[in-house]
Protein backbone atom coordinates (compact mmCIF):
# COMPACT_ATOMS: atom_id res chain seq x y z
CA UNK A 1 -0.22 -0.17 0.00
CA UNK A 2 1.30 3.26 -0.76
CA UNK A 3 2.07 5.81 2.51
CA UNK A 4 0.25 8.13 0.65
CA UNK A 5 -2.78 6.60 0.05
CA UNK A 6 -3.08 4.97 3.92
CA UNK A 7 -3.13 7.79 6.28
CA UNK A 8 -2.00 4.84 8.62
CA UNK A 9 1.15 5.07 7.03
CA UNK A 10 2.26 8.37 7.57
CA UNK A 11 5.31 9.44 9.82
CA UNK A 12 4.04 9.78 13.08
CA UNK A 13 0.70 8.42 12.20
CA UNK A 14 -0.35 5.10 14.77
CA UNK A 15 -3.65 3.51 13.96
CA UNK A 16 -5.70 0.66 15.58
CA UNK A 17 -6.78 -2.48 14.23
CA UNK A 18 -9.63 -0.53 12.19
CA UNK A 19 -7.19 1.88 10.95
CA UNK A 20 -8.32 4.33 13.67
CA UNK A 21 -5.73 7.24 14.24
CA UNK A 22 -4.75 6.42 17.50
CA UNK A 23 -1.72 8.24 18.34
CA UNK A 24 -0.50 11.50 16.16
CA UNK A 25 3.59 11.64 17.20
CA UNK A 26 5.17 14.37 15.84
CA UNK A 27 7.02 15.93 18.18
CA UNK A 28 10.08 18.02 17.42
CA UNK A 29 8.96 17.82 13.73
CA UNK A 30 9.85 21.08 12.57
CA UNK A 31 5.84 21.78 12.30
CA UNK A 32 4.55 25.34 12.08
CA UNK A 33 1.11 26.87 11.64
CA UNK A 34 -1.75 26.34 13.77
CA UNK A 35 -3.52 23.47 15.29
CA UNK A 36 -6.49 23.18 13.05
CA UNK A 37 -9.99 22.53 14.78
CA UNK A 38 -10.48 19.21 12.39
CA UNK A 39 -8.65 17.27 15.48
CA UNK A 40 -11.76 17.23 17.05
CA UNK A 41 -12.79 14.36 14.08
CA UNK A 42 -10.31 12.04 15.29
CA UNK A 43 -12.19 10.64 18.40
CA UNK A 44 -10.16 7.79 18.60
CA UNK A 45 -6.67 9.42 19.41
CA UNK A 46 -5.10 8.44 22.64
CA UNK A 47 -1.87 10.51 22.01
CA UNK A 48 -1.36 13.87 20.33
CA UNK A 49 2.27 14.85 20.94
CA UNK A 50 3.16 18.03 18.97
CA UNK A 51 6.23 19.16 21.70
CA UNK A 52 9.13 21.55 20.34
CA UNK A 53 7.67 22.83 16.81
CA UNK A 54 6.67 26.13 15.94
CA UNK A 55 3.25 26.13 15.84
CA UNK A 56 1.18 29.42 17.03
CA UNK A 57 -2.38 30.09 17.77
CA UNK A 58 -4.45 28.85 20.04
CA UNK A 59 -5.60 25.55 21.52
CA UNK A 60 -8.71 24.19 19.40
CA UNK A 61 -11.81 24.01 21.91
CA UNK A 62 -12.55 20.44 19.90
CA UNK A 63 -9.67 19.34 22.43
CA UNK A 64 -11.98 18.34 25.06
CA UNK A 65 -14.17 16.23 22.80
CA UNK A 66 -11.39 13.64 22.22
CA UNK A 67 -12.64 11.81 25.42
CA UNK A 68 -9.87 8.75 24.77
CA UNK A 69 -7.02 11.52 24.98
CA UNK A 70 -4.34 10.01 27.16
CA UNK A 71 -1.54 12.10 26.52
CA UNK A 72 -1.67 16.17 24.95
CA UNK A 73 1.52 17.07 24.70
CA UNK A 74 2.26 20.52 22.84
CA UNK A 75 5.16 22.13 25.40
CA UNK A 76 8.06 23.92 23.68
CA UNK A 77 5.66 25.95 21.15
CA UNK A 78 4.35 29.54 20.71
CA UNK A 79 0.67 28.57 21.32
CA UNK A 80 -0.84 31.48 22.63
CA UNK A 81 -4.48 32.42 24.22
CA UNK A 82 -6.11 30.53 26.77
CA UNK A 83 -6.99 27.05 27.71
CA UNK A 84 -10.10 25.94 26.29
CA UNK A 85 -13.46 24.68 28.31
CA UNK A 86 -13.47 20.55 28.16
CA UNK A 87 -9.86 19.56 29.61
CA UNK A 88 -11.87 18.90 33.19
CA UNK A 89 -13.93 16.19 31.20
CA UNK A 90 -10.77 13.93 30.17
CA UNK A 91 -11.07 11.81 32.04
CA UNK A 92 -8.49 9.50 30.89
CA UNK A 93 -5.69 12.31 30.44
CA UNK A 94 -2.56 11.32 32.53
CA UNK A 95 -0.06 13.55 30.68
CA UNK A 96 -0.70 17.25 29.94
CA UNK A 97 2.29 19.25 28.95
CA UNK A 98 1.84 22.68 28.10
CA UNK A 99 5.09 24.44 29.22
CA UNK A 100 7.25 26.70 26.96
CA UNK A 101 4.03 28.33 25.34
CA UNK A 102 2.09 31.69 25.93
CA UNK A 103 -0.22 30.96 27.95
CA UNK A 104 -2.95 32.76 29.99
CA UNK A 105 -5.57 32.13 32.39
CA UNK A 106 -6.10 29.03 34.65
CA UNK A 107 -6.27 25.64 33.20
CA UNK A 108 -9.60 23.66 34.12
CA UNK A 109 -9.50 21.25 37.29
CA UNK A 110 -9.00 18.06 35.73
CA UNK A 111 -10.81 14.80 36.16
CA UNK A 112 -7.84 12.44 36.93
CA UNK A 113 -4.45 12.91 38.93
CA UNK A 114 -1.09 12.54 37.49
CA UNK A 115 1.05 9.56 38.37
CA UNK A 116 4.48 11.30 38.90
CA UNK A 117 5.80 15.23 39.04
CA UNK A 118 6.27 15.26 35.22
CA UNK A 119 2.52 14.54 34.75
CA UNK A 120 0.97 17.92 34.29
CA UNK A 121 3.06 20.76 33.54
CA UNK A 122 2.72 24.37 32.49
CA UNK A 123 4.10 28.15 32.90
CA UNK A 124 2.43 28.61 36.12
CA UNK A 125 5.75 29.27 38.12
CA UNK A 126 7.09 32.86 38.49
CA UNK A 127 8.57 35.18 37.13
CA UNK A 128 5.93 34.83 34.07
CA UNK A 129 5.94 36.67 30.36
CA UNK A 130 3.09 38.14 31.99
CA UNK A 131 1.77 40.04 34.52
CA UNK A 132 0.42 37.07 36.67
CA UNK A 133 1.66 33.20 35.38
CA UNK A 134 -1.14 30.62 34.50
CA UNK A 135 -2.89 29.32 37.12
CA UNK A 136 -3.11 25.69 37.42
CA UNK A 137 -4.78 23.89 40.75
CA UNK A 138 -4.43 20.46 39.18
CA UNK A 139 -0.58 21.35 38.12
CA UNK A 140 2.65 19.03 39.18
CA UNK A 141 4.85 20.96 38.06
CA UNK A 142 5.66 24.65 37.45
CA UNK A 143 8.00 26.34 35.13
CA UNK A 144 8.66 29.87 34.93
CA UNK A 145 10.06 32.23 32.06
CA UNK A 146 13.53 31.15 32.89
CA UNK A 147 12.90 27.32 31.92
CA UNK A 148 13.51 26.67 35.70
CA UNK A 149 10.44 24.32 37.28
CA UNK A 150 9.70 23.07 40.01
CA UNK A 151 6.73 20.95 41.83
CA UNK A 152 3.62 22.82 42.31
CA UNK A 153 3.14 21.26 45.75
CA UNK A 154 5.75 20.78 48.42
CA UNK A 155 7.66 18.16 48.14
CA UNK A 156 7.88 16.87 52.31
CA UNK A 157 5.66 17.54 55.07
CA UNK A 158 7.69 19.74 56.32
CA UNK A 159 6.28 20.37 59.77
CA UNK A 160 5.79 16.53 60.47
CA UNK A 161 9.57 15.89 59.79
CA UNK A 162 10.92 18.72 61.92
CA UNK A 163 9.16 18.16 64.58
CA UNK A 164 10.17 14.73 64.53
CA UNK A 165 14.18 15.62 64.17
CA UNK A 166 13.63 18.08 66.99
CA UNK A 167 11.73 15.45 69.28
CA UNK A 168 14.07 12.78 68.57
CA UNK A 169 17.26 15.43 69.48
CA UNK A 170 15.29 16.43 72.80
CA UNK A 171 14.70 12.27 73.45
CA UNK A 172 18.00 11.48 72.95
CA UNK A 173 19.38 14.18 75.03
CA UNK A 174 16.95 13.51 77.92
CA UNK A 175 18.22 9.39 77.64
CA UNK A 176 22.14 10.98 78.16
CA UNK A 177 20.95 13.02 80.84
CA UNK A 178 19.22 10.33 82.72
CA UNK A 179 22.49 9.73 84.86
CA UNK A 180 21.72 13.30 86.06
CA UNK A 181 18.58 13.64 86.55
CA UNK A 182 18.25 10.78 88.59
CA UNK A 183 21.25 12.29 91.18
CA UNK A 184 19.64 15.59 91.10
CA UNK A 185 16.30 14.48 92.92
CA UNK A 186 18.10 11.34 94.70
CA UNK A 187 21.22 13.65 95.92
CA UNK A 188 20.83 14.56 99.73
CA UNK A 189 23.77 16.55 99.35
CA UNK A 190 23.06 20.89 98.87
CA UNK A 191 25.37 22.23 96.24
CA UNK A 192 25.47 25.82 97.57
CA UNK A 193 24.28 28.62 94.93
CA UNK A 194 27.22 30.42 95.05
CA UNK A 195 29.89 27.59 94.00
CA UNK A 196 31.62 27.27 90.58
CA UNK A 197 29.66 24.43 89.31
CA UNK A 198 26.19 25.76 90.10
CA UNK A 199 27.61 29.21 88.45
CA UNK A 200 28.77 27.83 85.39
CA UNK A 201 26.05 25.72 85.22
CA UNK A 202 23.49 28.79 84.64
CA UNK A 203 25.86 30.70 82.86
CA UNK A 204 26.41 28.20 80.18
CA UNK A 205 22.25 28.14 80.16
CA UNK A 206 21.77 31.59 80.70
CA UNK A 207 19.96 32.67 84.73
CA UNK A 208 16.99 34.23 82.80
CA UNK A 209 16.14 31.37 80.96
CA UNK A 210 13.26 28.59 81.55
CA UNK A 211 15.90 25.77 80.77
CA UNK A 212 17.94 26.64 83.79
CA UNK A 213 14.61 24.64 85.67
CA UNK A 214 16.17 21.49 84.39
CA UNK A 215 18.94 22.43 87.21
CA UNK A 216 16.05 22.96 89.76
CA UNK A 217 15.07 19.56 92.49
CA UNK A 218 11.59 20.88 91.54
CA UNK A 219 9.36 18.40 90.31
CA UNK A 220 6.98 21.23 89.23
CA UNK A 221 10.03 23.36 87.48
CA UNK A 222 10.86 20.11 85.28
CA UNK A 223 6.92 19.66 84.47
CA UNK A 224 7.09 23.41 83.61
CA UNK A 225 9.85 23.32 81.48
CA UNK A 226 9.15 20.53 79.16
CA UNK A 227 5.91 21.97 78.93
CA UNK A 228 7.51 25.17 77.42
CA UNK A 229 9.94 22.76 75.18
CA UNK A 230 7.17 20.81 74.29
CA UNK A 231 5.28 24.21 73.15
CA UNK A 232 8.29 25.69 71.02
CA UNK A 233 8.40 22.30 69.63
CA UNK A 234 5.18 22.28 68.42
CA UNK A 235 5.32 26.13 67.23
CA UNK A 236 8.45 25.09 65.22
CA UNK A 237 6.68 22.35 63.89
CA UNK A 238 3.51 24.50 62.85
CA UNK A 239 5.80 27.36 61.50
CA UNK A 240 8.12 25.16 59.21
CA UNK A 241 4.45 23.94 57.94
CA UNK A 242 2.81 27.11 56.95
CA UNK A 243 5.70 28.06 55.13
CA UNK A 244 4.33 26.68 51.86
CA UNK A 245 5.48 26.20 48.41
CA UNK A 246 4.32 29.48 46.89
CA UNK A 247 5.31 31.13 43.53
CA UNK A 248 4.90 34.72 44.05
CA UNK A 249 7.26 37.21 42.85
CA UNK A 250 8.10 38.36 46.28
CA UNK A 251 9.47 34.72 47.23
CA UNK A 252 12.85 33.21 47.00
CA UNK A 253 12.01 29.97 46.03
CA UNK A 254 14.77 27.87 44.39
CA UNK A 255 13.71 25.81 41.72
CA UNK A 256 15.47 22.61 41.44
CA UNK A 257 14.11 20.78 38.06
CA UNK A 258 14.25 21.28 34.48
CA UNK A 259 11.66 20.09 31.88
CA UNK A 260 14.14 19.84 28.54
CA UNK A 261 12.01 19.98 25.26
CA UNK A 262 13.92 16.51 24.49
CA UNK A 263 12.60 14.49 27.41
CA UNK A 264 9.01 13.83 28.99
CA UNK A 265 10.58 13.35 32.31
CA UNK A 266 11.89 16.35 34.39
CA UNK A 267 14.71 15.92 35.84
CA UNK A 268 15.97 17.15 39.33
CA UNK A 269 18.86 18.89 39.89
CA UNK A 270 18.49 19.63 43.52
CA UNK A 271 22.49 19.02 45.62
CA UNK A 272 20.43 17.80 47.63
CA UNK A 273 21.03 14.68 48.33
CA UNK A 274 20.37 11.77 51.10
CA UNK A 275 24.25 11.60 51.56
CA UNK A 276 23.48 15.33 52.61
CA UNK A 277 20.46 14.64 55.06
CA UNK A 278 22.33 12.08 56.45
CA UNK A 279 25.11 14.34 57.62
CA UNK A 280 22.88 17.00 58.23
CA UNK A 281 21.54 14.71 61.15
CA UNK A 282 24.57 13.48 62.45
CA UNK A 283 26.17 17.35 62.63
CA UNK A 284 22.59 18.24 64.62
CA UNK A 285 22.96 15.42 66.79
CA UNK A 286 26.64 15.68 67.93
CA UNK A 287 26.16 19.99 67.82
CA UNK A 288 23.24 18.88 70.68
CA UNK A 289 25.22 16.51 72.48
CA UNK A 290 28.25 18.21 72.68
């Protein structure tokens, strides 16, 4: 069969057993022009990949009629305008790449959830070529005008982990100090308040610090000091937890991902590694226990 007589033999076209187009794989193909409204006639299409071309104009409204569409990839073009209605009805959509364009407005709330952080990407980061970046409540990754990207949601429950870390450090200190605590409460010898030992201890901790209550033999003082320490730990956790990722212009958030045109998956460029966290924990532990 001549390739010009059968569309299923065309470059980048994949058909099913009944010659219905299910994939258009035309990324980095040197295409220019606009995406035709006739794309809505491809009712069986599952993958539409047009990334890294020179396409202009807007996204056709007929895209919302392609109910079988699972991948819509138009990143790194020059597409303008707003996102048409209908994207919220694409229940099979698993991959949506809109970044690297000149889109504005709001991406409708998507019916499905992405499988990983590279699933739904748009130009919802700052700085933007517009006054306000694209609003994309369902996006898993936000990119800015400098082609820097980062996860749209915070990667870690920082509040929980910071509370766990501080709580573990305090618990370890209490375990290590258990012999001293036992000696304080069981000793019958009264140490004069003017002794060098007491003076040095209060000088190290601070005479006006609530932590000096830990040097007391009073149970009430210890309860009060522990309550203050627990409250401070909780407040620290809440503070870190509320410092959620915000892509506003007044934030100094460092973008740690890149989503290049030649790859559907974003790369993590962060210098933070598992070894770094291990050394941080060790140094923090030795500093607190020294």
